[in-house]
Amino acid sequence: RTNRLIGYERPDTTVFFTAVILFTLQKLKPLLSAQSQHRIDEMTQRGIRNYPQFQNKDGLKTYNFWKTKPSKHFPNGRLFRHFEHFRIPDDIDDTAMIYLTSSPTQDELLWLKEKLSLHANGSKQKIKNTYPEYRELKAYSTWFGKNMYIEFDACVLANMLYCIYEYQLPLNQHDSDSLQYIRSVIETDRYLTEPFRCAHQYPRTVPVIYHVARLMGAFRIPELEPIREKLIADTQQLSNRPQHPLDAIVLKTSLMRLGVKTEIYPLPSWDNRQWPVDFQDFYFFIAGLLTAYENPLLYRMAISPLFQMRWECEAHCWTLLAEYFALQQSNT
């Protein structure tokens, strides 16, 4: 995790990158060689063995970003790890990815669906840090914590909805309102102009496109179909602008997920090892140190990179590149 504005950099042990890498590779398996499929199976077995370390501290089937028994929040840190205040609750993002990459039972899936409802907006408390017209949506919150504030994040919602559709769980108003939130932030251009307010954990337009396109590419969801053409047009427009090399790759991957054939991205030679250099400073998600505070002034300050930690992972960068290659070859 990094904040280069203040010279902060710490090694981090989190389950999220493990789970999201395994999820991405598992979905690519049908496009790969038998040898690559075997390697992915081996990686999956090794990754799953680590999941219990991140399971809810009381044994429930939800999962945390960091190790829980005992809590290892902000590992290798010098300050935050010493304070209980900074121990975060389990979240639906890690939980969705772990359920998607393991083999949950039907009872566990139905329990999760009920658990999500208990922490959705309006069940116990109301969301404050969002646009006024979204405050009545009964969408899912990022967090499971008993006393945690309610938060809407378009990318997090897309991941949990992927899990719900993948396992064909019964749909309810929480699902339809979560879909309404995703559709609206795209219809209104808010994900282009104010991505932080639409996705606190993934506060850039490119990750929002990637997550929504991945969901729409996997499932035909009537509530999201009205935004398909707009999402394609916006993604193509962004693709024509200068981008970080990995953002350019992610945008092309998203277009392919949406059914659009793309020109081959001009990659450096595979053997000259330039790509790890180009991975530098690429981040997929963040933690906003002031996001949790509902004071309007602090919330306005939360958008500043000065008050954010970014997570960087070379293995995930390679995974995004592998995803692009596999999809590009399957579309030729």
C-alpha atoms as a PDB file:
ATOM      1  CA  ARG A   1       0.000   0.000   0.000  1.00  0.00           C
ATOM      2  CA  THR A   2       1.344   3.416  -0.924  1.00  0.00           C
ATOM      3  CA  ASN A   3       0.859   7.129  -0.670  1.00  0.00           C
ATOM      4  CA  ARG A   4       3.736   8.535  -2.652  1.00  0.00           C
ATOM      5  CA  LEU A   5       2.735  12.125  -1.906  1.00  0.00           C
ATOM      6  CA  ILE A   6       3.946  11.601   1.647  1.00  0.00           C
ATOM      7  CA  GLY A   7       6.591   8.964   0.880  1.00  0.00           C
ATOM      8  CA  TYR A   8       4.524   6.139   2.393  1.00  0.00           C
ATOM      9  CA  GLU A   9       5.040   2.552   1.217  1.00  0.00           C
ATOM     10  CA  ARG A  10       4.411  -0.675   3.168  1.00  0.00           C
ATOM     11  CA  PRO A  11       4.237  -4.362   2.206  1.00  0.00           C
ATOM     12  CA  ASP A  12       0.675  -5.553   2.701  1.00  0.00           C
ATOM     13  CA  THR A  13      -0.988  -8.920   3.245  1.00  0.00           C
ATOM     14  CA  THR A  14      -4.551  -8.856   1.964  1.00  0.00           C
ATOM     15  CA  VAL A  15      -6.801 -11.592   0.620  1.00  0.00           C
ATOM     16  CA  PHE A  16      -8.390  -9.406  -2.050  1.00  0.00           C
ATOM     17  CA  PHE A  17      -5.670  -9.614  -4.682  1.00  0.00           C
ATOM     18  CA  THR A  18      -5.430 -13.382  -4.202  1.00  0.00           C
ATOM     19  CA  ALA A  19      -9.171 -13.808  -4.679  1.00  0.00           C
ATOM     20  CA  VAL A  20      -9.566 -11.425  -7.621  1.00  0.00           C
ATOM     21  CA  ILE A  21      -6.584 -12.945  -9.441  1.00  0.00           C
ATOM     22  CA  LEU A  22      -8.010 -16.437  -8.979  1.00  0.00           C
ATOM     23  CA  PHE A  23     -11.454 -15.259 -10.108  1.00  0.00           C
ATOM     24  CA  THR A  24     -10.052 -13.704 -13.275  1.00  0.00           C
ATOM     25  CA  LEU A  25      -7.938 -16.733 -14.141  1.00  0.00           C
ATOM     26  CA  GLN A  26     -10.723 -19.215 -13.419  1.00  0.00           C
ATOM     27  CA  LYS A  27     -12.985 -17.398 -15.883  1.00  0.00           C
ATOM     28  CA  LEU A  28     -10.235 -17.556 -18.521  1.00  0.00           C
ATOM     29  CA  LYS A  29      -9.671 -21.315 -18.155  1.00  0.00           C
ATOM     30  CA  PRO A  30     -11.857 -22.384 -21.122  1.00  0.00           C
ATOM     31  CA  LEU A  31      -9.690 -20.218 -23.400  1.00  0.00           C
ATOM     32  CA  LEU A  32      -6.357 -21.603 -22.221  1.00  0.00           C
ATOM     33  CA  SER A  33      -4.185 -24.642 -22.778  1.00  0.00           C
ATOM     34  CA  ALA A  34      -4.433 -27.765 -20.623  1.00  0.00           C
ATOM     35  CA  GLN A  35      -1.113 -26.865 -19.015  1.00  0.00           C
ATOM     36  CA  SER A  36      -2.315 -23.373 -18.094  1.00  0.00           C
ATOM     37  CA  GLN A  37      -5.585 -24.767 -16.760  1.00  0.00           C
ATOM     38  CA  HIS A  38      -3.634 -27.128 -14.517  1.00  0.00           C
ATOM     39  CA  ARG A  39      -1.525 -24.249 -13.212  1.00  0.00           C
ATOM     40  CA  ILE A  40      -4.652 -22.244 -12.419  1.00  0.00           C
ATOM     41  CA  ASP A  41      -6.113 -25.211 -10.516  1.00  0.00           C
ATOM     42  CA  GLU A  42      -2.919 -25.446  -8.456  1.00  0.00           C
ATOM     43  CA  MET A  43      -2.984 -21.719  -7.718  1.00  0.00           C
ATOM     44  CA  THR A  44      -6.632 -21.931  -6.722  1.00  0.00           C
ATOM     45  CA  GLN A  45      -5.992 -24.740  -4.251  1.00  0.00           C
ATOM     46  CA  ARG A  46      -3.136 -22.792  -2.668  1.00  0.00           C
ATOM     47  CA  GLY A  47      -5.173 -19.584  -2.492  1.00  0.00           C
ATOM     48  CA  ILE A  48      -8.227 -21.229  -0.951  1.00  0.00           C
ATOM     49  CA  ARG A  49      -6.086 -22.672   1.832  1.00  0.00           C
ATOM     50  CA  ASN A  50      -5.440 -19.105   2.981  1.00  0.00           C
ATOM     51  CA  TYR A  51      -9.065 -17.972   3.031  1.00  0.00           C
ATOM     52  CA  PRO A  52      -9.813 -19.095   6.626  1.00  0.00           C
ATOM     53  CA  GLN A  53      -7.225 -16.609   7.930  1.00  0.00           C
ATOM     54  CA  PHE A  54      -9.451 -13.813   6.620  1.00  0.00           C
ATOM     55  CA  GLN A  55     -12.798 -15.238   7.689  1.00  0.00           C
ATOM     56  CA  ASN A  56     -15.013 -13.410  10.148  1.00  0.00           C
ATOM     57  CA  LYS A  57     -13.454 -13.440  13.599  1.00  0.00           C
ATOM     58  CA  ASP A  58     -16.556 -15.122  15.085  1.00  0.00           C
ATOM     59  CA  GLY A  59     -16.651 -17.855  12.458  1.00  0.00           C
ATOM     60  CA  LEU A  60     -19.389 -16.427  10.231  1.00  0.00           C
ATOM     61  CA  LYS A  61     -19.013 -16.932   6.477  1.00  0.00           C
ATOM     62  CA  THR A  62     -18.081 -13.343   5.644  1.00  0.00           C
ATOM     63  CA  TYR A  63     -14.559 -12.194   4.931  1.00  0.00           C
ATOM     64  CA  ASN A  64     -12.231  -9.358   5.744  1.00  0.00           C
ATOM     65  CA  PHE A  65      -9.637  -7.486   3.725  1.00  0.00           C
ATOM     66  CA  TRP A  66      -7.012  -8.384   6.342  1.00  0.00           C
ATOM     67  CA  LYS A  67      -6.309 -11.349   8.620  1.00  0.00           C
ATOM     68  CA  THR A  68      -8.735 -11.609  11.518  1.00  0.00           C
ATOM     69  CA  LYS A  69      -7.436 -14.165  14.046  1.00  0.00           C
ATOM     70  CA  PRO A  70      -5.918 -12.094  15.507  1.00  0.00           C
ATOM     71  CA  SER A  71      -6.606  -8.917  13.605  1.00  0.00           C
ATOM     72  CA  LYS A  72      -3.721  -7.890  11.353  1.00  0.00           C
ATOM     73  CA  HIS A  73      -5.073  -4.581  10.096  1.00  0.00           C
ATOM     74  CA  PHE A  74      -2.505  -2.329   8.441  1.00  0.00           C
ATOM     75  CA  PRO A  75       0.202  -5.025   8.532  1.00  0.00           C
ATOM     76  CA  ASN A  76       3.792  -3.777   8.654  1.00  0.00           C
ATOM     77  CA  GLY A  77       2.511  -0.343   9.628  1.00  0.00           C
ATOM     78  CA  ARG A  78       3.972   1.817  12.357  1.00  0.00           C
ATOM     79  CA  LEU A  79       0.872   3.616  13.610  1.00  0.00           C
ATOM     80  CA  PHE A  80      -2.586   2.477  12.441  1.00  0.00           C
ATOM     81  CA  ARG A  81      -2.078  -1.183  13.296  1.00  0.00           C
ATOM     82  CA  HIS A  82      -1.853  -0.293  16.994  1.00  0.00           C
ATOM     83  CA  PHE A  83      -5.346   1.266  17.143  1.00  0.00           C
ATOM     84  CA  GLU A  84      -8.625  -0.630  17.248  1.00  0.00           C
ATOM     85  CA  HIS A  85     -10.292   2.366  15.583  1.00  0.00           C
ATOM     86  CA  PHE A  86      -8.646   1.432  12.286  1.00  0.00           C
ATOM     87  CA  ARG A  87      -9.734  -2.218  12.308  1.00  0.00           C
ATOM     88  CA  ILE A  88     -12.226  -2.488   9.470  1.00  0.00           C
ATOM     89  CA  PRO A  89     -15.258  -4.822   9.423  1.00  0.00           C
ATOM     90  CA  ASP A  90     -15.832  -7.590   6.894  1.00  0.00           C
ATOM     91  CA  ASP A  91     -16.940  -6.377   3.487  1.00  0.00           C
ATOM     92  CA  ILE A  92     -19.039  -7.621   0.591  1.00  0.00           C
ATOM     93  CA  ASP A  93     -16.225  -7.160  -1.948  1.00  0.00           C
ATOM     94  CA  ASP A  94     -13.808  -9.695  -0.443  1.00  0.00           C
ATOM     95  CA  THR A  95     -16.739 -11.924   0.467  1.00  0.00           C
ATOM     96  CA  ALA A  96     -18.048 -11.948  -3.124  1.00  0.00           C
ATOM     97  CA  MET A  97     -14.658 -12.821  -4.598  1.00  0.00           C
ATOM     98  CA  ILE A  98     -14.051 -15.614  -2.078  1.00  0.00           C
ATOM     99  CA  TYR A  99     -17.492 -17.115  -2.659  1.00  0.00           C
ATOM    100  CA  LEU A 100     -16.899 -16.922  -6.422  1.00  0.00           C
ATOM    101  CA  THR A 101     -13.546 -18.713  -6.250  1.00  0.00           C
ATOM    102  CA  SER A 102     -14.450 -21.424  -3.748  1.00  0.00           C
ATOM    103  CA  SER A 103     -17.362 -23.866  -3.493  1.00  0.00           C
ATOM    104  CA  PRO A 104     -19.952 -22.490  -1.067  1.00  0.00           C
ATOM    105  CA  THR A 105     -22.893 -24.696  -0.166  1.00  0.00           C
ATOM    106  CA  GLN A 106     -26.445 -23.696  -1.014  1.00  0.00           C
ATOM    107  CA  ASP A 107     -27.132 -23.081   2.675  1.00  0.00           C
ATOM    108  CA  GLU A 108     -24.117 -20.763   2.868  1.00  0.00           C
ATOM    109  CA  LEU A 109     -25.279 -18.863  -0.212  1.00  0.00           C
ATOM    110  CA  LEU A 110     -28.795 -18.377   1.121  1.00  0.00           C
ATOM    111  CA  TRP A 111     -27.364 -17.296   4.480  1.00  0.00           C
ATOM    112  CA  LEU A 112     -25.192 -14.733   2.676  1.00  0.00           C
ATOM    113  CA  LYS A 113     -28.195 -13.377   0.775  1.00  0.00           C
ATOM    114  CA  GLU A 114     -30.038 -12.799   4.048  1.00  0.00           C
ATOM    115  CA  LYS A 115     -26.933 -11.309   5.651  1.00  0.00           C
ATOM    116  CA  LEU A 116     -26.629  -8.792   2.819  1.00  0.00           C
ATOM    117  CA  SER A 117     -30.191  -7.632   3.411  1.00  0.00           C
ATOM    118  CA  LEU A 118     -29.502  -7.020   7.092  1.00  0.00           C
ATOM    119  CA  HIS A 119     -26.774  -4.522   6.218  1.00  0.00           C
ATOM    120  CA  ALA A 120     -28.367  -2.871   3.184  1.00  0.00           C
ATOM    121  CA  ASN A 121     -29.351   0.784   3.201  1.00  0.00           C
ATOM    122  CA  GLY A 122     -32.442   1.434   5.276  1.00  0.00           C
ATOM    123  CA  SER A 123     -32.320  -1.841   7.192  1.00  0.00           C
ATOM    124  CA  LYS A 124     -30.694  -0.316  10.274  1.00  0.00           C
ATOM    125  CA  GLN A 125     -29.407   3.065   9.176  1.00  0.00           C
ATOM    126  CA  LYS A 126     -29.454   5.391   6.167  1.00  0.00           C
ATOM    127  CA  ILE A 127     -26.670   6.393   3.821  1.00  0.00           C
ATOM    128  CA  LYS A 128     -25.445   9.981   3.993  1.00  0.00           C
ATOM    129  CA  ASN A 129     -22.376  10.183   1.729  1.00  0.00           C
ATOM    130  CA  THR A 130     -24.132   9.948  -1.619  1.00  0.00           C
ATOM    131  CA  TYR A 131     -26.283  12.058  -3.914  1.00  0.00           C
ATOM    132  CA  PRO A 132     -29.659  12.998  -2.376  1.00  0.00           C
ATOM    133  CA  GLU A 133     -31.668  11.048  -4.969  1.00  0.00           C
ATOM    134  CA  TYR A 134     -29.912   7.794  -4.004  1.00  0.00           C
ATOM    135  CA  ARG A 135     -30.495   8.001  -0.263  1.00  0.00           C
ATOM    136  CA  GLU A 136     -33.720   6.017  -0.370  1.00  0.00           C
ATOM    137  CA  LEU A 137     -32.319   3.184  -2.488  1.00  0.00           C
ATOM    138  CA  LYS A 138     -32.245  -0.083  -0.562  1.00  0.00           C
ATOM    139  CA  ALA A 139     -28.975  -1.030  -2.235  1.00  0.00           C
ATOM    140  CA  TYR A 140     -26.275  -3.122  -0.598  1.00  0.00           C
ATOM    141  CA  SER A 141     -23.634  -1.431   1.520  1.00  0.00           C
ATOM    142  CA  THR A 142     -19.934  -2.195   1.149  1.00  0.00           C
ATOM    143  CA  TRP A 143     -19.636  -3.090   4.829  1.00  0.00           C
ATOM    144  CA  PHE A 144     -21.034  -5.780   7.122  1.00  0.00           C
ATOM    145  CA  GLY A 145     -20.064  -4.027  10.360  1.00  0.00           C
ATOM    146  CA  LYS A 146     -22.802  -3.668  12.961  1.00  0.00           C
ATOM    147  CA  ASN A 147     -22.165   0.029  13.538  1.00  0.00           C
ATOM    148  CA  MET A 148     -20.434   0.805  10.230  1.00  0.00           C
ATOM    149  CA  TYR A 149     -21.691   3.621   8.039  1.00  0.00           C
ATOM    150  CA  ILE A 150     -23.585   2.765   4.837  1.00  0.00           C
ATOM    151  CA  GLU A 151     -21.657   3.120   1.587  1.00  0.00           C
ATOM    152  CA  PHE A 152     -22.553   2.618  -2.074  1.00  0.00           C
ATOM    153  CA  ASP A 153     -19.727   1.662  -4.454  1.00  0.00           C
ATOM    154  CA  ALA A 154     -20.563   0.810  -8.072  1.00  0.00           C
ATOM    155  CA  CYS A 155     -17.632  -1.611  -8.433  1.00  0.00           C
ATOM    156  CA  VAL A 156     -18.272  -3.386  -5.135  1.00  0.00           C
ATOM    157  CA  LEU A 157     -21.941  -3.725  -6.037  1.00  0.00           C
ATOM    158  CA  ALA A 158     -21.017  -5.149  -9.441  1.00  0.00           C
ATOM    159  CA  ASN A 159     -18.857  -7.804  -7.777  1.00  0.00           C
ATOM    160  CA  MET A 160     -21.557  -8.878  -5.339  1.00  0.00           C
ATOM    161  CA  LEU A 161     -24.208  -8.878  -8.056  1.00  0.00           C
ATOM    162  CA  TYR A 162     -21.913 -11.077 -10.137  1.00  0.00           C
ATOM    163  CA  CYS A 163     -21.864 -13.529  -7.235  1.00  0.00           C
ATOM    164  CA  ILE A 164     -25.652 -13.388  -6.886  1.00  0.00           C
ATOM    165  CA  TYR A 165     -26.245 -14.005 -10.590  1.00  0.00           C
ATOM    166  CA  GLU A 166     -23.519 -16.638 -10.829  1.00  0.00           C
ATOM    167  CA  TYR A 167     -25.191 -18.754  -8.152  1.00  0.00           C
ATOM    168  CA  GLN A 168     -28.714 -17.868  -9.345  1.00  0.00           C
ATOM    169  CA  LEU A 169     -29.788 -16.599  -5.948  1.00  0.00           C
ATOM    170  CA  PRO A 170     -33.305 -15.180  -5.518  1.00  0.00           C
ATOM    171  CA  LEU A 171     -33.536 -11.504  -6.428  1.00  0.00           C
ATOM    172  CA  ASN A 172     -35.217  -8.824  -4.328  1.00  0.00           C
ATOM    173  CA  GLN A 173     -35.480  -5.053  -4.012  1.00  0.00           C
ATOM    174  CA  HIS A 174     -31.928  -4.791  -2.683  1.00  0.00           C
ATOM    175  CA  ASP A 175     -30.689  -6.271  -5.947  1.00  0.00           C
ATOM    176  CA  SER A 176     -32.895  -4.101  -8.160  1.00  0.00           C
ATOM    177  CA  ASP A 177     -31.936  -0.950  -6.242  1.00  0.00           C
ATOM    178  CA  SER A 178     -28.239  -1.867  -6.471  1.00  0.00           C
ATOM    179  CA  LEU A 179     -28.663  -2.235 -10.237  1.00  0.00           C
ATOM    180  CA  GLN A 180     -30.527   1.078 -10.340  1.00  0.00           C
ATOM    181  CA  TYR A 181     -27.600   2.782  -8.627  1.00  0.00           C
ATOM    182  CA  ILE A 182     -25.099   1.366 -11.131  1.00  0.00           C
ATOM    183  CA  ARG A 183     -27.304   2.304 -14.086  1.00  0.00           C
ATOM    184  CA  SER A 184     -27.887   5.827 -12.797  1.00  0.00           C
ATOM    185  CA  VAL A 185     -24.255   6.790 -12.160  1.00  0.00           C
ATOM    186  CA  ILE A 186     -23.531   5.835 -15.767  1.00  0.00           C
ATOM    187  CA  GLU A 187     -26.647   7.437 -17.279  1.00  0.00           C
ATOM    188  CA  THR A 188     -25.931  10.727 -15.492  1.00  0.00           C
ATOM    189  CA  ASP A 189     -22.209  10.770 -16.405  1.00  0.00           C
ATOM    190  CA  ARG A 190     -21.364  10.918 -12.718  1.00  0.00           C
ATOM    191  CA  TYR A 191     -18.932   8.022 -13.131  1.00  0.00           C
ATOM    192  CA  LEU A 192     -17.085  10.199 -15.665  1.00  0.00           C
ATOM    193  CA  THR A 193     -17.138  13.494 -13.779  1.00  0.00           C
ATOM    194  CA  GLU A 194     -17.105  12.396 -10.122  1.00  0.00           C
ATOM    195  CA  PRO A 195     -15.961   8.759  -9.959  1.00  0.00           C
ATOM    196  CA  PHE A 196     -14.938   9.084  -6.296  1.00  0.00           C
ATOM    197  CA  ARG A 197     -18.537   9.750  -5.266  1.00  0.00           C
ATOM    198  CA  CYS A 198     -19.715   6.725  -7.279  1.00  0.00           C
ATOM    199  CA  ALA A 199     -17.092   4.253  -6.072  1.00  0.00           C
ATOM    200  CA  HIS A 200     -15.155   5.174  -2.941  1.00  0.00           C
ATOM    201  CA  GLN A 201     -12.929   2.102  -3.140  1.00  0.00           C
ATOM    202  CA  TYR A 202     -12.334   2.304  -6.917  1.00  0.00           C
ATOM    203  CA  PRO A 203     -12.486   6.068  -7.483  1.00  0.00           C
ATOM    204  CA  ARG A 204     -11.547   6.215 -11.157  1.00  0.00           C
ATOM    205  CA  THR A 205     -13.684   5.870 -14.261  1.00  0.00           C
ATOM    206  CA  VAL A 206     -11.650   3.006 -15.755  1.00  0.00           C
ATOM    207  CA  PRO A 207     -12.247   0.523 -12.880  1.00  0.00           C
ATOM    208  CA  VAL A 208     -15.959   1.386 -12.893  1.00  0.00           C
ATOM    209  CA  ILE A 209     -16.154   0.572 -16.605  1.00  0.00           C
ATOM    210  CA  TYR A 210     -14.189  -2.652 -16.074  1.00  0.00           C
ATOM    211  CA  HIS A 211     -16.443  -3.958 -13.293  1.00  0.00           C
ATOM    212  CA  VAL A 212     -19.736  -3.043 -14.923  1.00  0.00           C
ATOM    213  CA  ALA A 213     -18.628  -4.415 -18.303  1.00  0.00           C
ATOM    214  CA  ARG A 214     -17.526  -7.664 -16.659  1.00  0.00           C
ATOM    215  CA  LEU A 215     -20.944  -8.061 -15.047  1.00  0.00           C
ATOM    216  CA  MET A 216     -22.795  -7.224 -18.251  1.00  0.00           C
ATOM    217  CA  GLY A 217     -20.552  -9.494 -20.299  1.00  0.00           C
ATOM    218  CA  ALA A 218     -21.334 -12.464 -18.087  1.00  0.00           C
ATOM    219  CA  PHE A 219     -25.096 -11.984 -17.635  1.00  0.00           C
ATOM    220  CA  ARG A 220     -27.910 -10.413 -19.625  1.00  0.00           C
ATOM    221  CA  ILE A 221     -29.449  -8.156 -16.983  1.00  0.00           C
ATOM    222  CA  PRO A 222     -32.498  -6.205 -18.227  1.00  0.00           C
ATOM    223  CA  GLU A 223     -31.944  -3.334 -15.767  1.00  0.00           C
ATOM    224  CA  LEU A 224     -28.480  -2.655 -17.223  1.00  0.00           C
ATOM    225  CA  GLU A 225     -29.173  -3.100 -20.921  1.00  0.00           C
ATOM    226  CA  PRO A 226     -30.325   0.539 -21.387  1.00  0.00           C
ATOM    227  CA  ILE A 227     -26.767   1.722 -20.612  1.00  0.00           C
ATOM    228  CA  ARG A 228     -24.935  -0.727 -22.894  1.00  0.00           C
ATOM    229  CA  GLU A 229     -24.556   1.586 -25.895  1.00  0.00           C
ATOM    230  CA  LYS A 230     -23.609   4.560 -23.731  1.00  0.00           C
ATOM    231  CA  LEU A 231     -21.048   2.512 -21.834  1.00  0.00           C
ATOM    232  CA  ILE A 232     -19.542   1.336 -25.119  1.00  0.00           C
ATOM    233  CA  ALA A 233     -19.413   4.866 -26.529  1.00  0.00           C
ATOM    234  CA  ASP A 234     -17.859   6.297 -23.348  1.00  0.00           C
ATOM    235  CA  THR A 235     -15.275   3.507 -23.252  1.00  0.00           C
ATOM    236  CA  GLN A 236     -14.334   4.012 -26.892  1.00  0.00           C
ATOM    237  CA  GLN A 237     -13.969   7.740 -26.314  1.00  0.00           C
ATOM    238  CA  LEU A 238     -11.659   7.153 -23.347  1.00  0.00           C
ATOM    239  CA  SER A 239      -9.680   4.602 -25.358  1.00  0.00           C
ATOM    240  CA  ASN A 240      -8.856   7.317 -27.891  1.00  0.00           C
ATOM    241  CA  ARG A 241      -7.200   9.436 -25.199  1.00  0.00           C
ATOM    242  CA  PRO A 242      -3.722   8.906 -23.731  1.00  0.00           C
ATOM    243  CA  GLN A 243      -3.934   6.408 -20.874  1.00  0.00           C
ATOM    244  CA  HIS A 244      -1.647   4.510 -18.543  1.00  0.00           C
ATOM    245  CA  PRO A 245      -0.735   1.323 -20.478  1.00  0.00           C
ATOM    246  CA  LEU A 246      -2.726  -0.881 -18.114  1.00  0.00           C
ATOM    247  CA  ASP A 247      -5.742   1.433 -18.193  1.00  0.00           C
ATOM    248  CA  ALA A 248      -5.634   1.191 -21.990  1.00  0.00           C
ATOM    249  CA  ILE A 249      -5.581  -2.605 -21.685  1.00  0.00           C
ATOM    250  CA  VAL A 250      -8.478  -2.602 -19.200  1.00  0.00           C
ATOM    251  CA  LEU A 251     -10.578  -0.412 -21.499  1.00  0.00           C
ATOM    252  CA  LYS A 252      -9.979  -2.765 -24.448  1.00  0.00           C
ATOM    253  CA  THR A 253     -10.858  -5.738 -22.251  1.00  0.00           C
ATOM    254  CA  SER A 254     -14.066  -3.974 -21.220  1.00  0.00           C
ATOM    255  CA  LEU A 255     -15.046  -3.355 -24.828  1.00  0.00           C
ATOM    256  CA  MET A 256     -14.558  -7.030 -25.614  1.00  0.00           C
ATOM    257  CA  ARG A 257     -16.727  -7.924 -22.608  1.00  0.00           C
ATOM    258  CA  LEU A 258     -19.414  -5.682 -24.095  1.00  0.00           C
ATOM    259  CA  GLY A 259     -19.223  -7.474 -27.428  1.00  0.00           C
ATOM    260  CA  VAL A 260     -17.038  -5.004 -29.347  1.00  0.00           C
ATOM    261  CA  LYS A 261     -14.091  -6.225 -31.401  1.00  0.00           C
ATOM    262  CA  THR A 262     -10.982  -4.138 -30.769  1.00  0.00           C
ATOM    263  CA  GLU A 263      -7.732  -3.519 -32.572  1.00  0.00           C
ATOM    264  CA  ILE A 264      -4.709  -5.206 -31.041  1.00  0.00           C
ATOM    265  CA  TYR A 265      -3.029  -2.931 -28.526  1.00  0.00           C
ATOM    266  CA  PRO A 266       0.609  -2.189 -29.526  1.00  0.00           C
ATOM    267  CA  LEU A 267       2.404  -4.057 -26.754  1.00  0.00           C
ATOM    268  CA  PRO A 268       6.151  -3.903 -26.117  1.00  0.00           C
ATOM    269  CA  SER A 269       8.159  -6.994 -26.942  1.00  0.00           C
ATOM    270  CA  TRP A 270       7.380  -9.749 -24.424  1.00  0.00           C
ATOM    271  CA  ASP A 271      11.078 -10.471 -23.886  1.00  0.00           C
ATOM    272  CA  ASN A 272      12.446  -7.021 -23.214  1.00  0.00           C
ATOM    273  CA  ARG A 273      10.879  -6.844 -19.723  1.00  0.00           C
ATOM    274  CA  GLN A 274       9.486  -3.344 -20.165  1.00  0.00           C
ATOM    275  CA  TRP A 275       6.085  -4.274 -18.804  1.00  0.00           C
ATOM    276  CA  PRO A 276       6.948  -4.446 -15.104  1.00  0.00           C
ATOM    277  CA  VAL A 277       8.284  -0.894 -15.456  1.00  0.00           C
ATOM    278  CA  ASP A 278       4.976   0.168 -16.999  1.00  0.00           C
ATOM    279  CA  PHE A 279       3.141  -1.409 -14.079  1.00  0.00           C
ATOM    280  CA  GLN A 280       4.638   1.204 -11.794  1.00  0.00           C
ATOM    281  CA  ASP A 281       2.108   3.481 -10.108  1.00  0.00           C
ATOM    282  CA  PHE A 282      -0.870   1.501 -11.450  1.00  0.00           C
ATOM    283  CA  TYR A 283      -3.434   1.020  -8.716  1.00  0.00           C
ATOM    284  CA  PHE A 284      -6.775  -0.756  -8.846  1.00  0.00           C
ATOM    285  CA  PHE A 285      -8.406   0.366  -5.605  1.00  0.00           C
ATOM    286  CA  ILE A 286      -7.808   2.604  -2.611  1.00  0.00           C
ATOM    287  CA  ALA A 287      -8.743   3.217   0.993  1.00  0.00           C
ATOM    288  CA  GLY A 288      -9.968   6.719   1.702  1.00  0.00           C
ATOM    289  CA  LEU A 289      -8.788   7.702   5.153  1.00  0.00           C
ATOM    290  CA  LEU A 290     -11.562  10.307   5.502  1.00  0.00           C
ATOM    291  CA  THR A 291     -14.322   8.542   3.554  1.00  0.00           C
ATOM    292  CA  ALA A 292     -15.972   7.147   6.668  1.00  0.00           C
ATOM    293  CA  TYR A 293     -16.538  10.585   8.169  1.00  0.00           C
ATOM    294  CA  GLU A 294     -19.933  12.053   7.369  1.00  0.00           C
ATOM    295  CA  ASN A 295     -18.899  15.632   8.119  1.00  0.00           C
ATOM    296  CA  PRO A 296     -19.306  17.509   4.786  1.00  0.00           C
ATOM    297  CA  LEU A 297     -15.919  19.251   5.035  1.00  0.00           C
ATOM    298  CA  LEU A 298     -14.033  16.023   5.762  1.00  0.00           C
ATOM    299  CA  TYR A 299     -15.891  14.270   2.950  1.00  0.00           C
ATOM    300  CA  ARG A 300     -14.836  16.986   0.497  1.00  0.00           C
ATOM    301  CA  MET A 301     -11.249  16.536   1.659  1.00  0.00           C
ATOM    302  CA  ALA A 302     -11.476  12.739   1.249  1.00  0.00           C
ATOM    303  CA  ILE A 303     -11.254  13.021  -2.540  1.00  0.00           C
ATOM    304  CA  SER A 304      -7.701  14.338  -2.290  1.00  0.00           C
ATOM    305  CA  PRO A 305      -4.947  11.735  -2.950  1.00  0.00           C
ATOM    306  CA  LEU A 306      -3.239  13.137   0.128  1.00  0.00           C
ATOM    307  CA  PHE A 307      -5.841  11.307   2.250  1.00  0.00           C
ATOM    308  CA  GLN A 308      -5.833   8.033   0.327  1.00  0.00           C
ATOM    309  CA  MET A 309      -3.833   4.834   0.360  1.00  0.00           C
ATOM    310  CA  ARG A 310      -3.406   2.980  -2.905  1.00  0.00           C
ATOM    311  CA  TRP A 311      -2.813  -0.725  -3.318  1.00  0.00           C
ATOM    312  CA  GLU A 312      -0.407  -1.883  -6.036  1.00  0.00           C
ATOM    313  CA  CYS A 313       0.160  -5.509  -7.034  1.00  0.00           C
ATOM    314  CA  GLU A 314       2.429  -6.702  -9.844  1.00  0.00           C
ATOM    315  CA  ALA A 315       0.766 -10.145  -9.922  1.00  0.00           C
ATOM    316  CA  HIS A 316      -2.613  -8.515 -10.547  1.00  0.00           C
ATOM    317  CA  CYS A 317      -1.119  -6.389 -13.318  1.00  0.00           C
ATOM    318  CA  TRP A 318       0.105  -9.555 -15.036  1.00  0.00           C
ATOM    319  CA  THR A 319      -3.369 -11.033 -14.573  1.00  0.00           C
ATOM    320  CA  LEU A 320      -5.008  -8.067 -16.309  1.00  0.00           C
ATOM    321  CA  LEU A 321      -2.534  -8.460 -19.154  1.00  0.00           C
ATOM    322  CA  ALA A 322      -3.218 -12.208 -19.388  1.00  0.00           C
ATOM    323  CA  GLU A 323      -6.948 -11.504 -19.427  1.00  0.00           C
ATOM    324  CA  TYR A 324      -6.534  -9.127 -22.345  1.00  0.00           C
ATOM    325  CA  PHE A 325      -4.386 -11.590 -24.326  1.00  0.00           C
ATOM    326  CA  ALA A 326      -6.802 -14.474 -23.773  1.00  0.00           C
ATOM    327  CA  LEU A 327      -9.880 -12.478 -24.760  1.00  0.00           C
ATOM    328  CA  GLN A 328      -8.135 -10.893 -27.752  1.00  0.00           C
ATOM    329  CA  GLN A 329      -7.053 -14.273 -29.109  1.00  0.00           C
ATOM    330  CA  SER A 330     -10.533 -15.720 -28.611  1.00  0.00           C
ATOM    331  CA  ASN A 331     -12.033 -12.813 -30.591  1.00  0.00           C
ATOM    332  CA  THR A 332      -9.729 -13.128 -33.615  1.00  0.00           C
END
